[in-house]
Every structure is written in C-alpha cells, then in structure tokens.
Amino acid sequence: MRRFNSHTQKHAALGPRDRWAQKQAGGLYGVLILGVVGAFAFAYLGGLVAPNWRVEFSFAGFICGAVVYGLLAARLDRSSSKDEYAQGNSRTEEEVRQALADIKAREK
C-alpha cells in the first residue's frame, strides 16, 4: 500500500524554498505570459492588415510584450525599495551609537 503523505514528508525534509530562485522563476513566467499575450495580439492585428505576415507580427509582439514586462518590473522594483535610507527611516549616527551603547550595557 502506498503512503499518501510521502511527498509531503520529502519536501518538508528538504527545508525552506530558495527565495531568489522563486523570484527568478516569477520573472521568467511573467516575461513568457506577457510575451505570449503580445504575440497573439500582434498576430491578430497584423493578420487584419497583412494575413501572410502573422508569424512575423507575432514574433514582434512577443518581443514587445517581454520588453513591456521588463519595464513594468523595473518600475515596480524602483518604487518598492526595502532600504531604510530610501524609505526615510534611517537612523542618525547618534541613534546608532546610543543603540550600540545599550547593547553593550545589556551584555555586562
């Protein structure tokens, strides 16, 4: 008899997922999805004008869709910075020294 939870136990033993790999996979899927949507849109619109050139229009549409995704991703990445200094939450030099002094006082 086969155990149904064997895959769950196997994946739990592997540990946490790699966030960098997940982010890169999300970027790849985004480029592919928006590229395919762009390819279909350009193929349809190009087919109305020149039916014999649908493949060429779809290729150009895929490239345009991928570029649009890259531009959108760059804009979103710029707007959501995780840097304290960029968000205006940075500490002054005096606050850092006070925090270090507090940590050293707790250690003694």
PDB file of N, CA and C in Angstrom:
ATOM      1  N   MET A   1       0.834  -1.183   0.000  1.00  0.00           N
ATOM      2  CA  MET A   1       0.000   0.000   0.000  1.00  0.00           C
ATOM      3  C   MET A   1       0.875   1.242   0.000  1.00  0.00           C
ATOM      4  N   ARG A   2       0.514   2.183  -0.810  1.00  0.00           N
ATOM      5  CA  ARG A   2       1.308   3.388  -0.962  1.00  0.00           C
ATOM      6  C   ARG A   2       0.920   4.434   0.082  1.00  0.00           C
ATOM      7  N   ARG A   3       1.922   5.081   0.639  1.00  0.00           N
ATOM      8  CA  ARG A   3       1.658   6.143   1.615  1.00  0.00           C
ATOM      9  C   ARG A   3       1.368   7.435   0.872  1.00  0.00           C
ATOM     10  N   PHE A   4       0.290   8.102   1.243  1.00  0.00           N
ATOM     11  CA  PHE A   4      -0.127   9.308   0.542  1.00  0.00           C
ATOM     12  C   PHE A   4       0.661  10.540   0.964  1.00  0.00           C
ATOM     13  N   ASN A   5       1.233  10.539   2.147  1.00  0.00           N
ATOM     14  CA  ASN A   5       1.932  11.723   2.632  1.00  0.00           C
ATOM     15  C   ASN A   5       3.435  11.657   2.414  1.00  0.00           C
ATOM     16  N   SER A   6       3.922  10.733   1.613  1.00  0.00           N
ATOM     17  CA  SER A   6       5.365  10.593   1.425  1.00  0.00           C
ATOM     18  C   SER A   6       5.964  11.827   0.747  1.00  0.00           C
ATOM     19  N   HIS A   7       5.241  12.426  -0.197  1.00  0.00           N
ATOM     20  CA  HIS A   7       5.751  13.618  -0.869  1.00  0.00           C
ATOM     21  C   HIS A   7       5.829  14.802   0.099  1.00  0.00           C
ATOM     22  N   THR A   8       4.858  14.909   0.982  1.00  0.00           N
ATOM     23  CA  THR A   8       4.862  15.996   1.964  1.00  0.00           C
ATOM     24  C   THR A   8       6.062  15.874   2.884  1.00  0.00           C
ATOM     25  N   GLN A   9       6.326  14.686   3.350  1.00  0.00           N
ATOM     26  CA  GLN A   9       7.463  14.478   4.237  1.00  0.00           C
ATOM     27  C   GLN A   9       8.781  14.724   3.505  1.00  0.00           C
ATOM     28  N   LYS A  10       8.853  14.339   2.253  1.00  0.00           N
ATOM     29  CA  LYS A  10      10.070  14.544   1.466  1.00  0.00           C
ATOM     30  C   LYS A  10      10.352  16.033   1.303  1.00  0.00           C
ATOM     31  N   HIS A  11       9.322  16.814   0.951  1.00  0.00           N
ATOM     32  CA  HIS A  11       9.528  18.246   0.755  1.00  0.00           C
ATOM     33  C   HIS A  11       9.793  18.967   2.073  1.00  0.00           C
ATOM     34  N   ALA A  12       9.198  18.503   3.149  1.00  0.00           N
ATOM     35  CA  ALA A  12       9.468  19.104   4.452  1.00  0.00           C
ATOM     36  C   ALA A  12      10.913  18.861   4.868  1.00  0.00           C
ATOM     37  N   ALA A  13      11.453  17.711   4.494  1.00  0.00           N
ATOM     38  CA  ALA A  13      12.837  17.396   4.842  1.00  0.00           C
ATOM     39  C   ALA A  13      13.828  18.223   4.026  1.00  0.00           C
ATOM     40  N   LEU A  14      13.417  18.689   2.855  1.00  0.00           N
ATOM     41  CA  LEU A  14      14.318  19.482   2.018  1.00  0.00           C
ATOM     42  C   LEU A  14      14.599  20.864   2.612  1.00  0.00           C
ATOM     43  N   GLY A  15      13.678  21.380   3.399  1.00  0.00           N
ATOM     44  CA  GLY A  15      13.896  22.678   4.028  1.00  0.00           C
ATOM     45  C   GLY A  15      13.167  23.794   3.293  1.00  0.00           C
ATOM     46  N   PRO A  16      13.460  25.038   3.679  1.00  0.00           N
ATOM     47  CA  PRO A  16      12.743  26.175   3.087  1.00  0.00           C
ATOM     48  C   PRO A  16      13.105  26.378   1.619  1.00  0.00           C
ATOM     49  N   ARG A  17      12.218  27.056   0.901  1.00  0.00           N
ATOM     50  CA  ARG A  17      12.435  27.318  -0.521  1.00  0.00           C
ATOM     51  C   ARG A  17      13.444  28.439  -0.713  1.00  0.00           C
ATOM     52  N   ASP A  18      14.053  28.427  -1.867  1.00  0.00           N
ATOM     53  CA  ASP A  18      15.029  29.450  -2.217  1.00  0.00           C
ATOM     54  C   ASP A  18      14.288  30.667  -2.777  1.00  0.00           C
ATOM     55  N   ARG A  19      14.310  31.784  -2.054  1.00  0.00           N
ATOM     56  CA  ARG A  19      13.563  32.979  -2.470  1.00  0.00           C
ATOM     57  C   ARG A  19      14.106  33.561  -3.769  1.00  0.00           C
ATOM     58  N   TRP A  20      15.417  33.523  -3.962  1.00  0.00           N
ATOM     59  CA  TRP A  20      15.987  34.068  -5.189  1.00  0.00           C
ATOM     60  C   TRP A  20      15.491  33.276  -6.400  1.00  0.00           C
ATOM     61  N   ALA A  21      15.481  31.955  -6.273  1.00  0.00           N
ATOM     62  CA  ALA A  21      15.019  31.118  -7.382  1.00  0.00           C
ATOM     63  C   ALA A  21      13.542  31.350  -7.665  1.00  0.00           C
ATOM     64  N   GLN A  22      12.746  31.528  -6.623  1.00  0.00           N
ATOM     65  CA  GLN A  22      11.324  31.801  -6.826  1.00  0.00           C
ATOM     66  C   GLN A  22      11.118  33.141  -7.525  1.00  0.00           C
ATOM     67  N   LYS A  23      11.908  34.129  -7.157  1.00  0.00           N
ATOM     68  CA  LYS A  23      11.788  35.441  -7.789  1.00  0.00           C
ATOM     69  C   LYS A  23      12.182  35.362  -9.264  1.00  0.00           C
ATOM     70  N   GLN A  24      13.242  34.633  -9.569  1.00  0.00           N
ATOM     71  CA  GLN A  24      13.674  34.497 -10.950  1.00  0.00           C
ATOM     72  C   GLN A  24      12.642  33.715 -11.772  1.00  0.00           C
ATOM     73  N   ALA A  25      12.055  32.693 -11.177  1.00  0.00           N
ATOM     74  CA  ALA A  25      11.025  31.925 -11.886  1.00  0.00           C
ATOM     75  C   ALA A  25       9.806  32.793 -12.146  1.00  0.00           C
ATOM     76  N   GLY A  26       9.423  33.611 -11.177  1.00  0.00           N
ATOM     77  CA  GLY A  26       8.305  34.534 -11.380  1.00  0.00           C
ATOM     78  C   GLY A  26       8.581  35.512 -12.504  1.00  0.00           C
ATOM     79  N   GLY A  27       9.812  35.992 -12.583  1.00  0.00           N
ATOM     80  CA  GLY A  27      10.182  36.893 -13.675  1.00  0.00           C
ATOM     81  C   GLY A  27      10.128  36.205 -15.027  1.00  0.00           C
ATOM     82  N   LEU A  28      10.600  34.963 -15.076  1.00  0.00           N
ATOM     83  CA  LEU A  28      10.560  34.205 -16.331  1.00  0.00           C
ATOM     84  C   LEU A  28       9.125  33.961 -16.769  1.00  0.00           C
ATOM     85  N   TYR A  29       8.276  33.547 -15.834  1.00  0.00           N
ATOM     86  CA  TYR A  29       6.883  33.296 -16.172  1.00  0.00           C
ATOM     87  C   TYR A  29       6.185  34.578 -16.609  1.00  0.00           C
ATOM     88  N   GLY A  30       6.507  35.695 -15.973  1.00  0.00           N
ATOM     89  CA  GLY A  30       5.911  36.968 -16.369  1.00  0.00           C
ATOM     90  C   GLY A  30       6.281  37.355 -17.787  1.00  0.00           C
ATOM     91  N   VAL A  31       7.554  37.188 -18.119  1.00  0.00           N
ATOM     92  CA  VAL A  31       8.001  37.501 -19.482  1.00  0.00           C
ATOM     93  C   VAL A  31       7.305  36.596 -20.485  1.00  0.00           C
ATOM     94  N   LEU A  32       7.222  35.309 -20.180  1.00  0.00           N
ATOM     95  CA  LEU A  32       6.590  34.377 -21.108  1.00  0.00           C
ATOM     96  C   LEU A  32       5.103  34.662 -21.282  1.00  0.00           C
ATOM     97  N   ILE A  33       4.404  34.911 -20.188  1.00  0.00           N
ATOM     98  CA  ILE A  33       2.962  35.157 -20.282  1.00  0.00           C
ATOM     99  C   ILE A  33       2.675  36.437 -21.043  1.00  0.00           C
ATOM    100  N   LEU A  34       3.342  37.530 -20.671  1.00  0.00           N
ATOM    101  CA  LEU A  34       3.087  38.789 -21.369  1.00  0.00           C
ATOM    102  C   LEU A  34       3.587  38.726 -22.809  1.00  0.00           C
ATOM    103  N   GLY A  35       4.640  37.971 -23.059  1.00  0.00           N
ATOM    104  CA  GLY A  35       5.119  37.791 -24.424  1.00  0.00           C
ATOM    105  C   GLY A  35       4.116  37.045 -25.286  1.00  0.00           C
ATOM    106  N   VAL A  36       3.516  36.001 -24.732  1.00  0.00           N
ATOM    107  CA  VAL A  36       2.519  35.233 -25.492  1.00  0.00           C
ATOM    108  C   VAL A  36       1.276  36.079 -25.743  1.00  0.00           C
ATOM    109  N   VAL A  37       0.847  36.840 -24.736  1.00  0.00           N
ATOM    110  CA  VAL A  37      -0.301  37.731 -24.936  1.00  0.00           C
ATOM    111  C   VAL A  37       0.015  38.755 -26.022  1.00  0.00           C
ATOM    112  N   GLY A  38       1.196  39.329 -25.981  1.00  0.00           N
ATOM    113  CA  GLY A  38       1.602  40.275 -27.013  1.00  0.00           C
ATOM    114  C   GLY A  38       1.680  39.622 -28.384  1.00  0.00           C
ATOM    115  N   ALA A  39       2.143  38.380 -28.434  1.00  0.00           N
ATOM    116  CA  ALA A  39       2.235  37.672 -29.713  1.00  0.00           C
ATOM    117  C   ALA A  39       0.854  37.456 -30.318  1.00  0.00           C
ATOM    118  N   PHE A  40      -0.098  37.031 -29.489  1.00  0.00           N
ATOM    119  CA  PHE A  40      -1.460  36.830 -30.008  1.00  0.00           C
ATOM    120  C   PHE A  40      -2.090  38.145 -30.452  1.00  0.00           C
ATOM    121  N   ALA A  41      -1.887  39.192 -29.661  1.00  0.00           N
ATOM    122  CA  ALA A  41      -2.476  40.490 -30.020  1.00  0.00           C
ATOM    123  C   ALA A  41      -1.886  41.019 -31.330  1.00  0.00           C
ATOM    124  N   PHE A  42      -0.574  40.970 -31.460  1.00  0.00           N
ATOM    125  CA  PHE A  42       0.059  41.457 -32.684  1.00  0.00           C
ATOM    126  C   PHE A  42      -0.301  40.579 -33.884  1.00  0.00           C
ATOM    127  N   ALA A  43      -0.407  39.263 -33.666  1.00  0.00           N
ATOM    128  CA  ALA A  43      -0.763  38.369 -34.769  1.00  0.00           C
ATOM    129  C   ALA A  43      -2.180  38.654 -35.255  1.00  0.00           C
ATOM    130  N   TYR A  44      -3.075  38.901 -34.324  1.00  0.00           N
ATOM    131  CA  TYR A  44      -4.455  39.202 -34.711  1.00  0.00           C
ATOM    132  C   TYR A  44      -4.540  40.530 -35.461  1.00  0.00           C
ATOM    133  N   LEU A  45      -3.937  41.575 -34.857  1.00  0.00           N
ATOM    134  CA  LEU A  45      -3.998  42.889 -35.505  1.00  0.00           C
ATOM    135  C   LEU A  45      -3.212  42.909 -36.813  1.00  0.00           C
ATOM    136  N   GLY A  46      -2.069  42.257 -36.838  1.00  0.00           N
ATOM    137  CA  GLY A  46      -1.286  42.189 -38.069  1.00  0.00           C
ATOM    138  C   GLY A  46      -1.967  41.359 -39.134  1.00  0.00           C
ATOM    139  N   GLY A  47      -2.711  40.321 -38.708  1.00  0.00           N
ATOM    140  CA  GLY A  47      -3.449  39.499 -39.662  1.00  0.00           C
ATOM    141  C   GLY A  47      -4.567  40.264 -40.347  1.00  0.00           C
ATOM    142  N   LEU A  48      -5.079  41.275 -39.679  1.00  0.00           N
ATOM    143  CA  LEU A  48      -6.105  42.105 -40.318  1.00  0.00           C
ATOM    144  C   LEU A  48      -5.513  42.943 -41.444  1.00  0.00           C
ATOM    145  N   VAL A  49      -4.274  43.368 -41.268  1.00  0.00           N
ATOM    146  CA  VAL A  49      -3.618  44.231 -42.260  1.00  0.00           C
ATOM    147  C   VAL A  49      -2.935  43.391 -43.344  1.00  0.00           C
ATOM    148  N   ALA A  50      -2.131  42.432 -42.928  1.00  0.00           N
ATOM    149  CA  ALA A  50      -1.375  41.603 -43.875  1.00  0.00           C
ATOM    150  C   ALA A  50      -1.434  40.150 -43.409  1.00  0.00           C
ATOM    151  N   PRO A  51      -2.406  39.365 -43.876  1.00  0.00           N
ATOM    152  CA  PRO A  51      -2.604  37.995 -43.381  1.00  0.00           C
ATOM    153  C   PRO A  51      -1.410  37.064 -43.574  1.00  0.00           C
ATOM    154  N   ASN A  52      -0.591  37.308 -44.554  1.00  0.00           N
ATOM    155  CA  ASN A  52       0.549  36.428 -44.804  1.00  0.00           C
ATOM    156  C   ASN A  52       1.709  36.670 -43.832  1.00  0.00           C
ATOM    157  N   TRP A  53       1.639  37.705 -43.037  1.00  0.00           N
ATOM    158  CA  TRP A  53       2.741  38.087 -42.145  1.00  0.00           C
ATOM    159  C   TRP A  53       2.410  37.863 -40.673  1.00  0.00           C
ATOM    160  N   ARG A  54       1.500  36.964 -40.360  1.00  0.00           N
ATOM    161  CA  ARG A  54       1.090  36.756 -38.960  1.00  0.00           C
ATOM    162  C   ARG A  54       2.243  36.258 -38.089  1.00  0.00           C
ATOM    163  N   VAL A  55       3.064  35.412 -38.609  1.00  0.00           N
ATOM    164  CA  VAL A  55       4.188  34.877 -37.819  1.00  0.00           C
ATOM    165  C   VAL A  55       5.161  35.990 -37.454  1.00  0.00           C
ATOM    166  N   GLU A  56       5.467  36.833 -38.425  1.00  0.00           N
ATOM    167  CA  GLU A  56       6.391  37.936 -38.158  1.00  0.00           C
ATOM    168  C   GLU A  56       5.797  38.914 -37.149  1.00  0.00           C
ATOM    169  N   PHE A  57       4.504  39.204 -37.282  1.00  0.00           N
ATOM    170  CA  PHE A  57       3.852  40.094 -36.330  1.00  0.00           C
ATOM    171  C   PHE A  57       3.818  39.479 -34.934  1.00  0.00           C
ATOM    172  N   SER A  58       3.574  38.174 -34.850  1.00  0.00           N
ATOM    173  CA  SER A  58       3.533  37.536 -33.532  1.00  0.00           C
ATOM    174  C   SER A  58       4.915  37.535 -32.885  1.00  0.00           C
ATOM    175  N   PHE A  59       5.970  37.357 -33.675  1.00  0.00           N
ATOM    176  CA  PHE A  59       7.327  37.421 -33.134  1.00  0.00           C
ATOM    177  C   PHE A  59       7.618  38.812 -32.575  1.00  0.00           C
ATOM    178  N   ALA A  60       7.246  39.837 -33.340  1.00  0.00           N
ATOM    179  CA  ALA A  60       7.434  41.216 -32.860  1.00  0.00           C
ATOM    180  C   ALA A  60       6.582  41.475 -31.618  1.00  0.00           C
ATOM    181  N   GLY A  61       5.385  40.916 -31.577  1.00  0.00           N
ATOM    182  CA  GLY A  61       4.522  41.070 -30.407  1.00  0.00           C
ATOM    183  C   GLY A  61       5.095  40.413 -29.175  1.00  0.00           C
ATOM    184  N   PHE A  62       5.717  39.244 -29.348  1.00  0.00           N
ATOM    185  CA  PHE A  62       6.346  38.572 -28.210  1.00  0.00           C
ATOM    186  C   PHE A  62       7.472  39.431 -27.641  1.00  0.00           C
ATOM    187  N   ILE A  63       8.287  39.972 -28.524  1.00  0.00           N
ATOM    188  CA  ILE A  63       9.394  40.818 -28.070  1.00  0.00           C
ATOM    189  C   ILE A  63       8.859  42.064 -27.365  1.00  0.00           C
ATOM    190  N   CYS A  64       7.830  42.689 -27.934  1.00  0.00           N
ATOM    191  CA  CYS A  64       7.249  43.887 -27.303  1.00  0.00           C
ATOM    192  C   CYS A  64       6.644  43.549 -25.947  1.00  0.00           C
ATOM    193  N   GLY A  65       5.962  42.410 -25.840  1.00  0.00           N
ATOM    194  CA  GLY A  65       5.391  42.002 -24.557  1.00  0.00           C
ATOM    195  C   GLY A  65       6.458  41.759 -23.508  1.00  0.00           C
ATOM    196  N   ALA A  66       7.557  41.139 -23.892  1.00  0.00           N
ATOM    197  CA  ALA A  66       8.656  40.896 -22.954  1.00  0.00           C
ATOM    198  C   ALA A  66       9.292  42.203 -22.503  1.00  0.00           C
ATOM    199  N   VAL A  67       9.438  43.144 -23.427  1.00  0.00           N
ATOM    200  CA  VAL A  67      10.018  44.449 -23.075  1.00  0.00           C
ATOM    201  C   VAL A  67       9.084  45.211 -22.138  1.00  0.00           C
ATOM    202  N   VAL A  68       7.794  45.159 -22.405  1.00  0.00           N
ATOM    203  CA  VAL A  68       6.823  45.838 -21.533  1.00  0.00           C
ATOM    204  C   VAL A  68       6.874  45.248 -20.132  1.00  0.00           C
ATOM    205  N   TYR A  69       6.968  43.915 -20.021  1.00  0.00           N
ATOM    206  CA  TYR A  69       7.078  43.304 -18.696  1.00  0.00           C
ATOM    207  C   TYR A  69       8.343  43.765 -17.983  1.00  0.00           C
ATOM    208  N   GLY A  70       9.447  43.816 -18.712  1.00  0.00           N
ATOM    209  CA  GLY A  70      10.693  44.287 -18.103  1.00  0.00           C
ATOM    210  C   GLY A  70      10.586  45.715 -17.601  1.00  0.00           C
ATOM    211  N   LEU A  71       9.942  46.581 -18.371  1.00  0.00           N
ATOM    212  CA  LEU A  71       9.768  47.970 -17.939  1.00  0.00           C
ATOM    213  C   LEU A  71       8.857  48.071 -16.719  1.00  0.00           C
ATOM    214  N   LEU A  72       7.775  47.297 -16.708  1.00  0.00           N
ATOM    215  CA  LEU A  72       6.876  47.304 -15.551  1.00  0.00           C
ATOM    216  C   LEU A  72       7.572  46.761 -14.305  1.00  0.00           C
ATOM    217  N   ALA A  73       8.332  45.699 -14.461  1.00  0.00           N
ATOM    218  CA  ALA A  73       9.045  45.120 -13.323  1.00  0.00           C
ATOM    219  C   ALA A  73      10.087  46.090 -12.777  1.00  0.00           C
ATOM    220  N   ALA A  74      10.777  46.799 -13.666  1.00  0.00           N
ATOM    221  CA  ALA A  74      11.776  47.775 -13.222  1.00  0.00           C
ATOM    222  C   ALA A  74      11.113  48.924 -12.471  1.00  0.00           C
ATOM    223  N   ARG A  75       9.967  49.368 -12.953  1.00  0.00           N
ATOM    224  CA  ARG A  75       9.258  50.466 -12.279  1.00  0.00           C
ATOM    225  C   ARG A  75       8.776  50.027 -10.899  1.00  0.00           C
ATOM    226  N   LEU A  76       8.216  48.824 -10.805  1.00  0.00           N
ATOM    227  CA  LEU A  76       7.745  48.333  -9.517  1.00  0.00           C
ATOM    228  C   LEU A  76       8.896  48.091  -8.555  1.00  0.00           C
ATOM    229  N   ASP A  77      10.017  47.632  -9.062  1.00  0.00           N
ATOM    230  CA  ASP A  77      11.179  47.383  -8.214  1.00  0.00           C
ATOM    231  C   ASP A  77      11.741  48.694  -7.660  1.00  0.00           C
ATOM    232  N   ARG A  78      11.719  49.724  -8.480  1.00  0.00           N
ATOM    233  CA  ARG A  78      12.205  51.034  -8.033  1.00  0.00           C
ATOM    234  C   ARG A  78      11.297  51.624  -6.960  1.00  0.00           C
ATOM    235  N   SER A  79       9.977  51.426  -7.102  1.00  0.00           N
ATOM    236  CA  SER A  79       9.041  52.054  -6.182  1.00  0.00           C
ATOM    237  C   SER A  79       8.960  51.331  -4.843  1.00  0.00           C
ATOM    238  N   SER A  80       9.331  50.061  -4.780  1.00  0.00           N
ATOM    239  CA  SER A  80       9.220  49.313  -3.531  1.00  0.00           C
ATOM    240  C   SER A  80      10.608  48.963  -3.003  1.00  0.00           C
ATOM    241  N   SER A  81      11.339  49.966  -2.589  1.00  0.00           N
ATOM    242  CA  SER A  81      12.675  49.735  -2.062  1.00  0.00           C
ATOM    243  C   SER A  81      12.592  49.262  -0.618  1.00  0.00           C
ATOM    244  N   LYS A  82      13.416  48.291  -0.262  1.00  0.00           N
ATOM    245  CA  LYS A  82      13.430  47.784   1.098  1.00  0.00           C
ATOM    246  C   LYS A  82      14.539  48.424   1.927  1.00  0.00           C
ATOM    247  N   ASP A  83      15.193  49.384   1.362  1.00  0.00           N
ATOM    248  CA  ASP A  83      16.279  50.065   2.039  1.00  0.00           C
ATOM    249  C   ASP A  83      15.703  51.089   3.014  1.00  0.00           C
ATOM    250  N   GLU A  84      16.181  51.070   4.260  1.00  0.00           N
ATOM    251  CA  GLU A  84      15.681  52.024   5.254  1.00  0.00           C
ATOM    252  C   GLU A  84      15.996  53.459   4.849  1.00  0.00           C
ATOM    253  N   TYR A  85      17.157  53.674   4.302  1.00  0.00           N
ATOM    254  CA  TYR A  85      17.549  55.026   3.918  1.00  0.00           C
ATOM    255  C   TYR A  85      16.653  55.565   2.799  1.00  0.00           C
ATOM    256  N   ALA A  86      16.321  54.723   1.828  1.00  0.00           N
ATOM    257  CA  ALA A  86      15.476  55.149   0.716  1.00  0.00           C
ATOM    258  C   ALA A  86      14.055  55.433   1.177  1.00  0.00           C
ATOM    259  N   GLN A  87      13.598  54.760   2.223  1.00  0.00           N
ATOM    260  CA  GLN A  87      12.248  54.976   2.735  1.00  0.00           C
ATOM    261  C   GLN A  87      12.184  56.124   3.741  1.00  0.00           C
ATOM    262  N   GLY A  88      13.317  56.674   4.101  1.00  0.00           N
ATOM    263  CA  GLY A  88      13.322  57.779   5.059  1.00  0.00           C
ATOM    264  C   GLY A  88      13.299  57.335   6.503  1.00  0.00           C
ATOM    265  N   ASN A  89      13.591  56.065   6.767  1.00  0.00           N
ATOM    266  CA  ASN A  89      13.573  55.540   8.133  1.00  0.00           C
ATOM    267  C   ASN A  89      14.974  55.304   8.679  1.00  0.00           C
ATOM    268  N   SER A  90      15.965  55.920   8.092  1.00  0.00           N
ATOM    269  CA  SER A  90      17.331  55.656   8.521  1.00  0.00           C
ATOM    270  C   SER A  90      17.596  56.315   9.873  1.00  0.00           C
ATOM    271  N   ARG A  91      18.510  55.721  10.606  1.00  0.00           N
ATOM    272  CA  ARG A  91      18.875  56.250  11.918  1.00  0.00           C
ATOM    273  C   ARG A  91      20.034  57.226  11.780  1.00  0.00           C
ATOM    274  N   THR A  92      20.039  58.175  12.656  1.00  0.00           N
ATOM    275  CA  THR A  92      21.164  59.109  12.666  1.00  0.00           C
ATOM    276  C   THR A  92      22.348  58.436  13.342  1.00  0.00           C
ATOM    277  N   GLU A  93      23.501  59.040  13.213  1.00  0.00           N
ATOM    278  CA  GLU A  93      24.707  58.480  13.817  1.00  0.00           C
ATOM    279  C   GLU A  93      24.573  58.424  15.337  1.00  0.00           C
ATOM    280  N   GLU A  94      23.933  59.415  15.899  1.00  0.00           N
ATOM    281  CA  GLU A  94      23.750  59.452  17.350  1.00  0.00           C
ATOM    282  C   GLU A  94      22.837  58.315  17.818  1.00  0.00           C
ATOM    283  N   GLU A  95      21.780  58.021  17.066  1.00  0.00           N
ATOM    284  CA  GLU A  95      20.880  56.921  17.427  1.00  0.00           C
ATOM    285  C   GLU A  95      21.584  55.576  17.345  1.00  0.00           C
ATOM    286  N   VAL A  96      22.450  55.418  16.355  1.00  0.00           N
ATOM    287  CA  VAL A  96      23.203  54.170  16.217  1.00  0.00           C
ATOM    288  C   VAL A  96      24.147  54.000  17.387  1.00  0.00           C
ATOM    289  N   ARG A  97      24.844  55.059  17.763  1.00  0.00           N
ATOM    290  CA  ARG A  97      25.770  54.974  18.912  1.00  0.00           C
ATOM    291  C   ARG A  97      25.017  54.653  20.197  1.00  0.00           C
ATOM    292  N   GLN A  98      23.843  55.267  20.366  1.00  0.00           N
ATOM    293  CA  GLN A  98      23.050  55.005  21.571  1.00  0.00           C
ATOM    294  C   GLN A  98      22.578  53.550  21.602  1.00  0.00           C
ATOM    295  N   ALA A  99      22.165  53.020  20.451  1.00  0.00           N
ATOM    296  CA  ALA A  99      21.723  51.622  20.387  1.00  0.00           C
ATOM    297  C   ALA A  99      22.881  50.676  20.695  1.00  0.00           C
ATOM    298  N   LEU A 100      24.067  50.955  20.159  1.00  0.00           N
ATOM    299  CA  LEU A 100      25.232  50.120  20.464  1.00  0.00           C
ATOM    300  C   LEU A 100      25.599  50.185  21.937  1.00  0.00           C
ATOM    301  N   ALA A 101      25.514  51.380  22.519  1.00  0.00           N
ATOM    302  CA  ALA A 101      25.801  51.510  23.946  1.00  0.00           C
ATOM    303  C   ALA A 101      24.798  50.724  24.784  1.00  0.00           C
ATOM    304  N   ASP A 102      23.532  50.743  24.390  1.00  0.00           N
ATOM    305  CA  ASP A 102      22.511  49.968  25.102  1.00  0.00           C
ATOM    306  C   ASP A 102      22.786  48.466  25.022  1.00  0.00           C
ATOM    307  N   ILE A 103      23.209  48.011  23.838  1.00  0.00           N
ATOM    308  CA  ILE A 103      23.510  46.587  23.664  1.00  0.00           C
ATOM    309  C   ILE A 103      24.704  46.190  24.530  1.00  0.00           C
ATOM    310  N   LYS A 104      25.748  47.020  24.568  1.00  0.00           N
ATOM    311  CA  LYS A 104      26.925  46.715  25.380  1.00  0.00           C
ATOM    312  C   LYS A 104      26.579  46.756  26.864  1.00  0.00           C
ATOM    313  N   ALA A 105      25.674  47.666  27.253  1.00  0.00           N
ATOM    314  CA  ALA A 105      25.290  47.743  28.666  1.00  0.00           C
ATOM    315  C   ALA A 105      24.501  46.483  29.065  1.00  0.00           C
ATOM    316  N   ARG A 106      23.687  45.955  28.184  1.00  0.00           N
ATOM    317  CA  ARG A 106      22.942  44.734  28.490  1.00  0.00           C
ATOM    318  C   ARG A 106      23.849  43.524  28.595  1.00  0.00           C
ATOM    319  N   GLU A 107      24.952  43.522  27.843  1.00  0.00           N
ATOM    320  CA  GLU A 107      25.875  42.404  27.874  1.00  0.00           C
ATOM    321  C   GLU A 107      26.650  42.336  29.184  1.00  0.00           C
ATOM    322  N   LYS A 108      26.867  43.457  29.818  1.00  0.00           N
ATOM    323  CA  LYS A 108      27.653  43.477  31.077  1.00  0.00           C
ATOM    324  C   LYS A 108      26.876  43.072  32.257  1.00  0.00           C
TER     325      LYS A 108
END
